[in-house]
Amino acid sequence: MKNIAIFASGAGSNAQKIIDHLRNSSDGKVTLIVCNKPGAGVLQIAEKEGIPSVLIDKEEFFRGDAYVNLLRENNIDLIVLAGFLWKIPANLVLAFPDKIINIHPALLPKYGGKGMYGHFVHEAVIAAKETESGITIHYVNEKYDDGAPILQERCLITPEDTPETLAKKIQVLEHQWFPVIVERLLKK
């Protein structure tokens, strides 16, 4: 059985969907929650689910190897970024090559890069009058939203859509596909 660390900064709805999906899996389970925001909802999910969690320090995350060692000590096989808003430092990417994945709320390479997350993405997509958007699940490298894509799924945008209604459509795709792809990667 493989061990997953979920890195999250917010409410943790994707983390919860992944935990639920893998609850009876023999392929792997979430064994660690890593968070960078005190009070984030994902920490409450970790407590409720009985999953150890760690609140990380920004300076240590970007300048040291302590978290690489922590992940290795916890025998982590796959790191899943689920609404984690910090760029992953090179030392962590090098320590876990092709073992870190992320989900982005747009069809990369469009609407990716620094500062493009959450409502900022949806506002940009609507402002550009796009007719479709979607999600991209991709491997993580040293650059924002630049790693090789694993899966893209699309949704239509109607003229009536707002950033808020688009966000709801995107979240449906995230909840549907992210747990499935995580499980698929555990079988590799």
Protein backbone atom coordinates (compact mmCIF):
# COMPACT_ATOMS: atom_id res chain seq x y z
CA MET A 1 0.00 0.00 0.00
CA LYS A 2 1.33 3.42 -0.98
CA ASN A 3 1.33 6.49 1.26
CA ILE A 4 0.01 9.84 0.09
CA ALA A 5 0.73 13.28 1.49
CA ILE A 6 -1.82 15.93 0.60
CA PHE A 7 -0.59 19.52 0.61
CA ALA A 8 -3.45 22.01 0.99
CA SER A 9 -3.98 25.63 2.00
CA GLY A 10 -7.74 25.90 2.30
CA ALA A 11 -11.02 24.19 3.09
CA GLY A 12 -9.84 20.82 1.81
CA SER A 13 -12.81 19.69 -0.30
CA ASN A 14 -10.52 17.93 -2.79
CA ALA A 15 -8.56 16.37 0.07
CA GLN A 16 -11.79 15.02 1.55
CA LYS A 17 -12.88 13.57 -1.81
CA ILE A 18 -9.51 11.80 -2.19
CA ILE A 19 -9.65 10.45 1.38
CA ASP A 20 -13.20 9.20 0.82
CA HIS A 21 -12.34 7.63 -2.54
CA LEU A 22 -9.38 5.71 -1.11
CA ARG A 23 -11.02 4.73 2.17
CA ASN A 24 -11.35 1.05 1.15
CA SER A 25 -8.53 0.97 -1.40
CA SER A 26 -5.74 -1.57 -1.21
CA ASP A 27 -3.58 0.66 -3.45
CA GLY A 28 -2.93 3.47 -1.03
CA LYS A 29 -4.19 5.93 1.53
CA VAL A 30 -3.66 9.47 2.73
CA THR A 31 -1.23 9.23 5.63
CA LEU A 32 -0.19 12.88 6.03
CA ILE A 33 -1.76 16.31 5.56
CA VAL A 34 0.66 19.20 5.03
CA CYS A 35 -0.72 22.72 5.41
CA ASN A 36 0.72 26.22 5.31
CA LYS A 37 -2.22 28.12 6.85
CA PRO A 38 -3.16 27.93 10.53
CA GLY A 39 -6.89 27.37 10.87
CA ALA A 40 -7.37 26.01 7.34
CA GLY A 41 -10.32 23.65 6.98
CA VAL A 42 -8.07 20.85 5.75
CA LEU A 43 -6.55 20.63 9.25
CA GLN A 44 -10.01 19.93 10.68
CA ILE A 45 -10.48 17.21 8.04
CA ALA A 46 -7.15 15.67 9.09
CA GLU A 47 -8.22 15.66 12.74
CA LYS A 48 -11.68 14.21 11.95
CA GLU A 49 -10.14 11.48 9.77
CA GLY A 50 -7.36 10.66 12.23
CA ILE A 51 -4.64 11.61 9.73
CA PRO A 52 -1.47 13.21 11.10
CA SER A 53 -0.95 16.78 9.95
CA VAL A 54 1.90 19.23 9.94
CA LEU A 55 1.79 23.01 9.71
CA ILE A 56 4.81 24.09 7.72
CA ASP A 57 7.02 27.13 8.14
CA LYS A 58 7.62 29.22 5.01
CA GLU A 59 11.30 29.91 5.64
CA GLU A 60 12.06 26.27 6.37
CA PHE A 61 9.97 25.09 3.40
CA PHE A 62 11.87 27.21 0.89
CA ARG A 63 15.35 27.19 2.42
CA GLY A 64 15.83 23.82 4.12
CA ASP A 65 15.48 20.09 3.63
CA ALA A 66 13.49 19.36 6.80
CA TYR A 67 10.28 18.67 4.91
CA VAL A 68 11.99 16.38 2.42
CA ASN A 69 13.24 14.39 5.42
CA LEU A 70 9.79 14.47 7.05
CA LEU A 71 8.18 13.08 3.89
CA ARG A 72 10.81 10.37 3.58
CA GLU A 73 10.45 9.43 7.27
CA ASN A 74 6.71 9.02 6.61
CA ASN A 75 7.42 6.80 3.58
CA ILE A 76 5.48 9.09 1.26
CA ASP A 77 5.12 7.69 -2.26
CA LEU A 78 2.96 10.41 -3.82
CA ILE A 79 2.48 14.09 -3.01
CA VAL A 80 -0.86 15.56 -4.05
CA LEU A 81 -1.28 19.33 -4.16
CA ALA A 82 -4.94 20.07 -3.52
CA GLY A 83 -5.31 23.82 -3.33
CA PHE A 84 -1.78 24.39 -2.07
CA LEU A 85 -0.77 27.94 -2.98
CA TRP A 86 3.01 27.89 -2.59
CA LYS A 87 5.38 27.01 -5.39
CA ILE A 88 7.15 23.73 -4.67
CA PRO A 89 10.90 24.28 -4.13
CA ALA A 90 13.41 22.54 -6.40
CA ASN A 91 14.83 20.36 -3.62
CA LEU A 92 11.40 18.80 -3.03
CA VAL A 93 10.78 18.30 -6.76
CA LEU A 94 14.19 16.63 -7.11
CA ALA A 95 13.58 14.40 -4.08
CA PHE A 96 10.23 13.19 -5.48
CA PRO A 97 10.61 13.13 -9.29
CA ASP A 98 7.28 12.48 -11.04
CA LYS A 99 5.73 11.86 -7.62
CA ILE A 100 4.14 15.29 -7.11
CA ILE A 101 0.88 16.17 -8.84
CA ASN A 102 -1.34 19.23 -8.86
CA ILE A 103 -4.78 20.19 -10.10
CA HIS A 104 -5.33 23.50 -11.87
CA PRO A 105 -8.78 25.04 -12.47
CA ALA A 106 -8.22 25.77 -16.17
CA LEU A 107 -7.03 24.14 -19.35
CA LEU A 108 -3.28 24.66 -19.15
CA PRO A 109 -1.21 26.21 -20.60
CA LYS A 110 -3.95 28.86 -20.66
CA TYR A 111 -4.54 30.76 -17.43
CA GLY A 112 -1.62 29.28 -15.54
CA GLY A 113 1.38 30.78 -13.80
CA LYS A 114 2.09 32.87 -10.74
CA GLY A 115 -1.01 34.40 -9.21
CA MET A 116 -3.37 32.31 -11.32
CA TYR A 117 -5.40 30.31 -8.82
CA GLY A 118 -9.02 30.10 -7.69
CA HIS A 119 -11.22 33.04 -8.53
CA PHE A 120 -8.40 34.82 -10.40
CA VAL A 121 -8.46 32.04 -12.99
CA HIS A 122 -12.25 32.05 -13.33
CA GLU A 123 -12.37 35.85 -13.63
CA ALA A 124 -9.74 35.78 -16.39
CA VAL A 125 -11.52 32.99 -18.28
CA ILE A 126 -14.87 34.84 -18.17
CA ALA A 127 -13.25 38.18 -19.09
CA ALA A 128 -11.66 36.54 -22.15
CA LYS A 129 -15.10 35.29 -23.23
CA GLU A 130 -13.91 31.69 -23.48
CA THR A 131 -16.51 29.12 -24.49
CA GLU A 132 -14.96 26.32 -22.44
CA SER A 133 -12.78 25.81 -19.42
CA GLY A 134 -11.94 22.83 -17.29
CA ILE A 135 -9.29 21.23 -15.15
CA THR A 136 -5.74 20.09 -15.73
CA ILE A 137 -4.15 17.49 -13.50
CA HIS A 138 -0.40 17.62 -14.04
CA TYR A 139 2.98 16.68 -12.68
CA VAL A 140 4.80 19.39 -10.73
CA ASN A 141 8.19 20.76 -11.68
CA GLU A 142 10.10 23.85 -10.52
CA LYS A 143 7.83 26.27 -12.44
CA TYR A 144 4.23 27.26 -11.80
CA ASP A 145 1.74 25.09 -13.73
CA ASP A 146 4.41 23.86 -16.14
CA GLY A 147 4.66 20.10 -15.53
CA ALA A 148 3.50 17.47 -17.99
CA PRO A 149 -0.28 17.08 -18.12
CA ILE A 150 -1.87 13.86 -16.89
CA LEU A 151 -5.52 14.65 -17.65
CA GLN A 152 -7.65 17.51 -18.91
CA GLU A 153 -11.43 17.56 -18.61
CA ARG A 154 -13.63 20.28 -20.04
CA CYS A 155 -16.87 22.10 -19.29
CA LEU A 156 -18.83 24.50 -21.45
CA ILE A 157 -19.17 28.15 -20.54
CA THR A 158 -22.47 29.82 -21.34
CA PRO A 159 -22.95 33.59 -21.84
CA GLU A 160 -24.78 33.62 -18.49
CA ASP A 161 -21.85 32.16 -16.56
CA THR A 162 -20.05 34.25 -13.97
CA PRO A 163 -16.77 33.50 -12.21
CA GLU A 164 -18.85 32.04 -9.36
CA THR A 165 -20.93 29.71 -11.55
CA LEU A 166 -17.82 28.67 -13.46
CA ALA A 167 -16.08 27.88 -10.15
CA LYS A 168 -18.94 25.50 -9.29
CA LYS A 169 -18.65 23.72 -12.65
CA ILE A 170 -14.89 23.38 -12.18
CA GLN A 171 -15.28 22.02 -8.65
CA VAL A 172 -17.61 19.29 -9.95
CA LEU A 173 -14.87 18.22 -12.40
CA GLU A 174 -12.21 18.35 -9.68
CA HIS A 175 -14.23 16.19 -7.29
CA GLN A 176 -15.08 13.74 -10.07
CA TRP A 177 -11.61 13.29 -11.57
CA PHE A 178 -8.89 14.09 -9.01
CA PRO A 179 -9.53 11.05 -6.76
CA VAL A 180 -9.69 8.75 -9.82
CA ILE A 181 -6.35 10.00 -11.16
CA VAL A 182 -4.69 9.75 -7.73
CA GLU A 183 -5.82 6.12 -7.50
CA ARG A 184 -4.65 5.42 -11.06
CA LEU A 185 -1.18 6.78 -10.25
CA LEU A 186 -0.95 4.56 -7.18
CA LYS A 187 -1.20 1.52 -9.44
CA LYS A 188 1.89 2.54 -11.43
